[in-house]
């Protein structure tokens, strides 16, 4: 397929970027500029840009696009906007903190278990991060409760 003036201008912009980034030497840059200005087809432009990070000029599809999903961007992943990271559930953090504080304060085992169960429900509902934190808080809380119950049984049995 024949290339238009705007296709040649886009190719020249990619070459300029490659030169300014130090990916092309002066001589090679000038040779490619001359070839881009004279390019007649998309294939000619593609050959000039294939080794540059901005990627080649996309070749037009001979099949109508109405039956297919939109094409993915040509830019490499590093140039695409970053996807936001899912936030960590605050209740899960609270469950872990209460679980860690249990050996020092003892009474934080019960809030660790309650917050852990609450955090797991919120994570399933909202798709947040922090499942491992909630599980760790639950385990620490239930372990502390189990130790407390065992100590109580030993004290009652000894008397």
C-alpha atoms as a PDB file:
ATOM      1  CA  UNK A   1       0.000   0.000   0.000  1.00  0.00           C
ATOM      2  CA  UNK A   2       1.285   3.439  -0.874  1.00  0.00           C
ATOM      3  CA  UNK A   3       2.425   5.761   1.919  1.00  0.00           C
ATOM      4  CA  UNK A   4       1.043   9.285   2.319  1.00  0.00           C
ATOM      5  CA  UNK A   5       2.871  12.504   3.202  1.00  0.00           C
ATOM      6  CA  UNK A   6       1.716  12.233   6.816  1.00  0.00           C
ATOM      7  CA  UNK A   7       3.041   8.644   6.994  1.00  0.00           C
ATOM      8  CA  UNK A   8       6.450   9.842   5.817  1.00  0.00           C
ATOM      9  CA  UNK A   9       6.356  12.722   8.364  1.00  0.00           C
ATOM     10  CA  UNK A  10       5.584  10.287  11.210  1.00  0.00           C
ATOM     11  CA  UNK A  11       8.501   8.105  10.121  1.00  0.00           C
ATOM     12  CA  UNK A  12      10.809  11.136  10.062  1.00  0.00           C
ATOM     13  CA  UNK A  13       9.660  12.036  13.608  1.00  0.00           C
ATOM     14  CA  UNK A  14      10.579   8.524  14.791  1.00  0.00           C
ATOM     15  CA  UNK A  15      13.985   8.841  13.121  1.00  0.00           C
ATOM     16  CA  UNK A  16      14.546  12.223  14.801  1.00  0.00           C
ATOM     17  CA  UNK A  17      13.726  10.688  18.176  1.00  0.00           C
ATOM     18  CA  UNK A  18      16.112   7.794  17.513  1.00  0.00           C
ATOM     19  CA  UNK A  19      18.879  10.210  16.582  1.00  0.00           C
ATOM     20  CA  UNK A  20      18.309  12.467  19.604  1.00  0.00           C
ATOM     21  CA  UNK A  21      18.401   9.401  21.903  1.00  0.00           C
ATOM     22  CA  UNK A  22      21.737   8.329  20.414  1.00  0.00           C
ATOM     23  CA  UNK A  23      20.365   5.220  18.705  1.00  0.00           C
ATOM     24  CA  UNK A  24      21.424   6.408  15.253  1.00  0.00           C
ATOM     25  CA  UNK A  25      24.701   7.932  14.152  1.00  0.00           C
ATOM     26  CA  UNK A  26      24.785  11.113  12.061  1.00  0.00           C
ATOM     27  CA  UNK A  27      25.493   9.332   8.751  1.00  0.00           C
ATOM     28  CA  UNK A  28      22.893   6.621   9.255  1.00  0.00           C
ATOM     29  CA  UNK A  29      20.346   9.215  10.381  1.00  0.00           C
ATOM     30  CA  UNK A  30      20.853  11.298   7.229  1.00  0.00           C
ATOM     31  CA  UNK A  31      20.657   8.213   4.986  1.00  0.00           C
ATOM     32  CA  UNK A  32      17.423   7.069   6.606  1.00  0.00           C
ATOM     33  CA  UNK A  33      15.927  10.577   6.382  1.00  0.00           C
ATOM     34  CA  UNK A  34      16.611  10.647   2.644  1.00  0.00           C
ATOM     35  CA  UNK A  35      15.099   7.173   2.202  1.00  0.00           C
ATOM     36  CA  UNK A  36      12.043   8.126   4.300  1.00  0.00           C
ATOM     37  CA  UNK A  37      11.420  11.219   2.194  1.00  0.00           C
ATOM     38  CA  UNK A  38      11.495   9.046  -0.957  1.00  0.00           C
ATOM     39  CA  UNK A  39       9.571   6.069   0.461  1.00  0.00           C
ATOM     40  CA  UNK A  40       6.591   5.079  -1.630  1.00  0.00           C
ATOM     41  CA  UNK A  41       5.054   2.231   0.395  1.00  0.00           C
ATOM     42  CA  UNK A  42       4.412   1.273   3.999  1.00  0.00           C
ATOM     43  CA  UNK A  43       6.908  -1.557   3.550  1.00  0.00           C
ATOM     44  CA  UNK A  44       9.662   0.971   2.744  1.00  0.00           C
ATOM     45  CA  UNK A  45       8.865   2.926   5.931  1.00  0.00           C
ATOM     46  CA  UNK A  46       8.602  -0.249   7.975  1.00  0.00           C
ATOM     47  CA  UNK A  47      12.126  -1.306   6.944  1.00  0.00           C
ATOM     48  CA  UNK A  48      13.517   2.081   8.067  1.00  0.00           C
ATOM     49  CA  UNK A  49      11.910   2.010  11.518  1.00  0.00           C
ATOM     50  CA  UNK A  50      11.772  -1.650  12.512  1.00  0.00           C
ATOM     51  CA  UNK A  51      14.844  -1.501  14.810  1.00  0.00           C
ATOM     52  CA  UNK A  52      13.822   1.666  16.682  1.00  0.00           C
ATOM     53  CA  UNK A  53      11.917   1.527  20.008  1.00  0.00           C
ATOM     54  CA  UNK A  54       8.956   3.593  18.827  1.00  0.00           C
ATOM     55  CA  UNK A  55       8.222   0.701  16.504  1.00  0.00           C
ATOM     56  CA  UNK A  56       7.346   0.499  12.875  1.00  0.00           C
ATOM     57  CA  UNK A  57       4.552   2.371  11.188  1.00  0.00           C
ATOM     58  CA  UNK A  58       1.576   0.006  11.374  1.00  0.00           C
ATOM     59  CA  UNK A  59       0.718  -1.707   8.106  1.00  0.00           C
ATOM     60  CA  UNK A  60      -2.901  -1.165   7.143  1.00  0.00           C
ATOM     61  CA  UNK A  61      -5.097  -4.225   7.236  1.00  0.00           C
ATOM     62  CA  UNK A  62      -6.791  -5.201   3.952  1.00  0.00           C
ATOM     63  CA  UNK A  63      -9.750  -6.594   5.973  1.00  0.00           C
ATOM     64  CA  UNK A  64     -12.302  -4.060   7.267  1.00  0.00           C
ATOM     65  CA  UNK A  65     -11.791  -3.329  10.983  1.00  0.00           C
ATOM     66  CA  UNK A  66     -15.498  -3.458  11.838  1.00  0.00           C
ATOM     67  CA  UNK A  67     -15.349  -7.229  12.538  1.00  0.00           C
ATOM     68  CA  UNK A  68     -12.234  -7.130  14.738  1.00  0.00           C
ATOM     69  CA  UNK A  69     -11.332  -5.440  18.042  1.00  0.00           C
ATOM     70  CA  UNK A  70      -9.298  -2.248  17.967  1.00  0.00           C
ATOM     71  CA  UNK A  71      -5.571  -2.848  17.413  1.00  0.00           C
ATOM     72  CA  UNK A  72      -3.204  -2.501  20.360  1.00  0.00           C
ATOM     73  CA  UNK A  73      -0.959   0.587  20.457  1.00  0.00           C
ATOM     74  CA  UNK A  74       2.350   0.331  18.611  1.00  0.00           C
ATOM     75  CA  UNK A  75       4.292   2.007  21.430  1.00  0.00           C
ATOM     76  CA  UNK A  76       6.376  -0.270  23.626  1.00  0.00           C
ATOM     77  CA  UNK A  77       5.048  -1.011  27.098  1.00  0.00           C
ATOM     78  CA  UNK A  78       7.461   1.486  28.674  1.00  0.00           C
ATOM     79  CA  UNK A  79       5.788   4.377  26.863  1.00  0.00           C
ATOM     80  CA  UNK A  80       2.216   3.428  27.787  1.00  0.00           C
ATOM     81  CA  UNK A  81       0.588   4.990  30.864  1.00  0.00           C
ATOM     82  CA  UNK A  82       1.012   2.882  33.982  1.00  0.00           C
ATOM     83  CA  UNK A  83      -1.997   1.039  35.317  1.00  0.00           C
ATOM     84  CA  UNK A  84      -2.847   2.058  38.862  1.00  0.00           C
ATOM     85  CA  UNK A  85      -1.922  -0.504  41.490  1.00  0.00           C
ATOM     86  CA  UNK A  86      -4.858  -1.801  43.537  1.00  0.00           C
ATOM     87  CA  UNK A  87      -4.725  -0.335  47.026  1.00  0.00           C
ATOM     88  CA  UNK A  88      -4.083  -2.452  50.097  1.00  0.00           C
ATOM     89  CA  UNK A  89      -7.042  -2.944  52.403  1.00  0.00           C
ATOM     90  CA  UNK A  90      -6.565  -0.928  55.600  1.00  0.00           C
ATOM     91  CA  UNK A  91      -8.549  -3.399  57.702  1.00  0.00           C
ATOM     92  CA  UNK A  92      -6.122  -6.157  56.673  1.00  0.00           C
ATOM     93  CA  UNK A  93      -3.211  -4.015  57.842  1.00  0.00           C
ATOM     94  CA  UNK A  94      -5.017  -3.458  61.147  1.00  0.00           C
ATOM     95  CA  UNK A  95      -5.573  -7.210  61.558  1.00  0.00           C
ATOM     96  CA  UNK A  96      -1.877  -7.907  61.066  1.00  0.00           C
ATOM     97  CA  UNK A  97      -0.825  -5.158  63.487  1.00  0.00           C
ATOM     98  CA  UNK A  98      -3.205  -6.469  66.160  1.00  0.00           C
ATOM     99  CA  UNK A  99      -1.923 -10.001  65.583  1.00  0.00           C
ATOM    100  CA  UNK A 100       1.699  -8.890  65.952  1.00  0.00           C
ATOM    101  CA  UNK A 101       0.929  -6.927  69.141  1.00  0.00           C
ATOM    102  CA  UNK A 102      -0.820  -9.911  70.779  1.00  0.00           C
ATOM    103  CA  UNK A 103       2.285 -11.287  72.614  1.00  0.00           C
ATOM    104  CA  UNK A 104       2.857  -7.869  74.202  1.00  0.00           C
ATOM    105  CA  UNK A 105      -0.700  -6.857  75.048  1.00  0.00           C
ATOM    106  CA  UNK A 106      -2.692 -10.126  74.911  1.00  0.00           C
ATOM    107  CA  UNK A 107      -6.080  -8.525  74.346  1.00  0.00           C
ATOM    108  CA  UNK A 108      -5.348  -7.629  70.727  1.00  0.00           C
ATOM    109  CA  UNK A 109      -5.953 -11.249  69.640  1.00  0.00           C
ATOM    110  CA  UNK A 110      -9.718 -10.767  69.509  1.00  0.00           C
ATOM    111  CA  UNK A 111      -9.568  -7.591  67.358  1.00  0.00           C
ATOM    112  CA  UNK A 112      -7.037  -9.374  65.099  1.00  0.00           C
ATOM    113  CA  UNK A 113      -9.549 -12.163  64.408  1.00  0.00           C
ATOM    114  CA  UNK A 114     -12.474  -9.781  63.932  1.00  0.00           C
ATOM    115  CA  UNK A 115     -10.520  -7.432  61.648  1.00  0.00           C
ATOM    116  CA  UNK A 116      -9.080 -10.372  59.696  1.00  0.00           C
ATOM    117  CA  UNK A 117     -12.525 -11.765  58.863  1.00  0.00           C
ATOM    118  CA  UNK A 118     -13.846  -8.289  58.043  1.00  0.00           C
ATOM    119  CA  UNK A 119     -10.848  -7.575  55.787  1.00  0.00           C
ATOM    120  CA  UNK A 120     -11.263 -10.833  53.851  1.00  0.00           C
ATOM    121  CA  UNK A 121     -14.916  -9.962  53.149  1.00  0.00           C
ATOM    122  CA  UNK A 122     -13.973  -6.440  52.007  1.00  0.00           C
ATOM    123  CA  UNK A 123     -11.183  -7.771  49.778  1.00  0.00           C
ATOM    124  CA  UNK A 124     -13.561 -10.216  48.067  1.00  0.00           C
ATOM    125  CA  UNK A 125     -16.096  -7.415  47.564  1.00  0.00           C
ATOM    126  CA  UNK A 126     -13.767  -4.601  46.415  1.00  0.00           C
ATOM    127  CA  UNK A 127     -10.903  -6.502  44.778  1.00  0.00           C
ATOM    128  CA  UNK A 128      -8.278  -4.820  46.941  1.00  0.00           C
ATOM    129  CA  UNK A 129      -4.876  -6.234  47.888  1.00  0.00           C
ATOM    130  CA  UNK A 130      -4.021  -7.548  51.346  1.00  0.00           C
ATOM    131  CA  UNK A 131      -5.389 -11.085  51.522  1.00  0.00           C
ATOM    132  CA  UNK A 132      -2.098 -12.344  52.976  1.00  0.00           C
ATOM    133  CA  UNK A 133      -2.077  -9.620  55.622  1.00  0.00           C
ATOM    134  CA  UNK A 134      -5.601 -10.517  56.704  1.00  0.00           C
ATOM    135  CA  UNK A 135      -4.728 -14.218  56.839  1.00  0.00           C
ATOM    136  CA  UNK A 136      -1.610 -13.532  58.916  1.00  0.00           C
ATOM    137  CA  UNK A 137      -3.670 -11.437  61.368  1.00  0.00           C
ATOM    138  CA  UNK A 138      -6.241 -14.236  61.632  1.00  0.00           C
ATOM    139  CA  UNK A 139      -3.604 -16.918  62.241  1.00  0.00           C
ATOM    140  CA  UNK A 140      -1.800 -14.881  64.904  1.00  0.00           C
ATOM    141  CA  UNK A 141      -5.083 -13.986  66.619  1.00  0.00           C
ATOM    142  CA  UNK A 142      -6.425 -17.562  66.672  1.00  0.00           C
ATOM    143  CA  UNK A 143      -3.063 -18.908  67.852  1.00  0.00           C
ATOM    144  CA  UNK A 144      -3.031 -16.449  70.765  1.00  0.00           C
ATOM    145  CA  UNK A 145      -6.623 -17.346  71.678  1.00  0.00           C
ATOM    146  CA  UNK A 146      -5.735 -21.058  71.537  1.00  0.00           C
ATOM    147  CA  UNK A 147      -2.702 -20.570  73.813  1.00  0.00           C
ATOM    148  CA  UNK A 148      -4.822 -18.559  76.267  1.00  0.00           C
ATOM    149  CA  UNK A 149      -7.488 -21.289  76.364  1.00  0.00           C
ATOM    150  CA  UNK A 150      -4.834 -23.987  76.924  1.00  0.00           C
ATOM    151  CA  UNK A 151      -3.284 -21.994  79.790  1.00  0.00           C
ATOM    152  CA  UNK A 152      -6.738 -21.550  81.352  1.00  0.00           C
ATOM    153  CA  UNK A 153      -7.425 -25.313  81.098  1.00  0.00           C
ATOM    154  CA  UNK A 154      -4.061 -26.114  82.688  1.00  0.00           C
ATOM    155  CA  UNK A 155      -4.698 -23.693  85.550  1.00  0.00           C
ATOM    156  CA  UNK A 156      -8.218 -25.077  86.153  1.00  0.00           C
ATOM    157  CA  UNK A 157      -6.963 -28.658  85.966  1.00  0.00           C
ATOM    158  CA  UNK A 158      -4.124 -27.983  88.396  1.00  0.00           C
ATOM    159  CA  UNK A 159      -6.411 -26.586  91.078  1.00  0.00           C
END
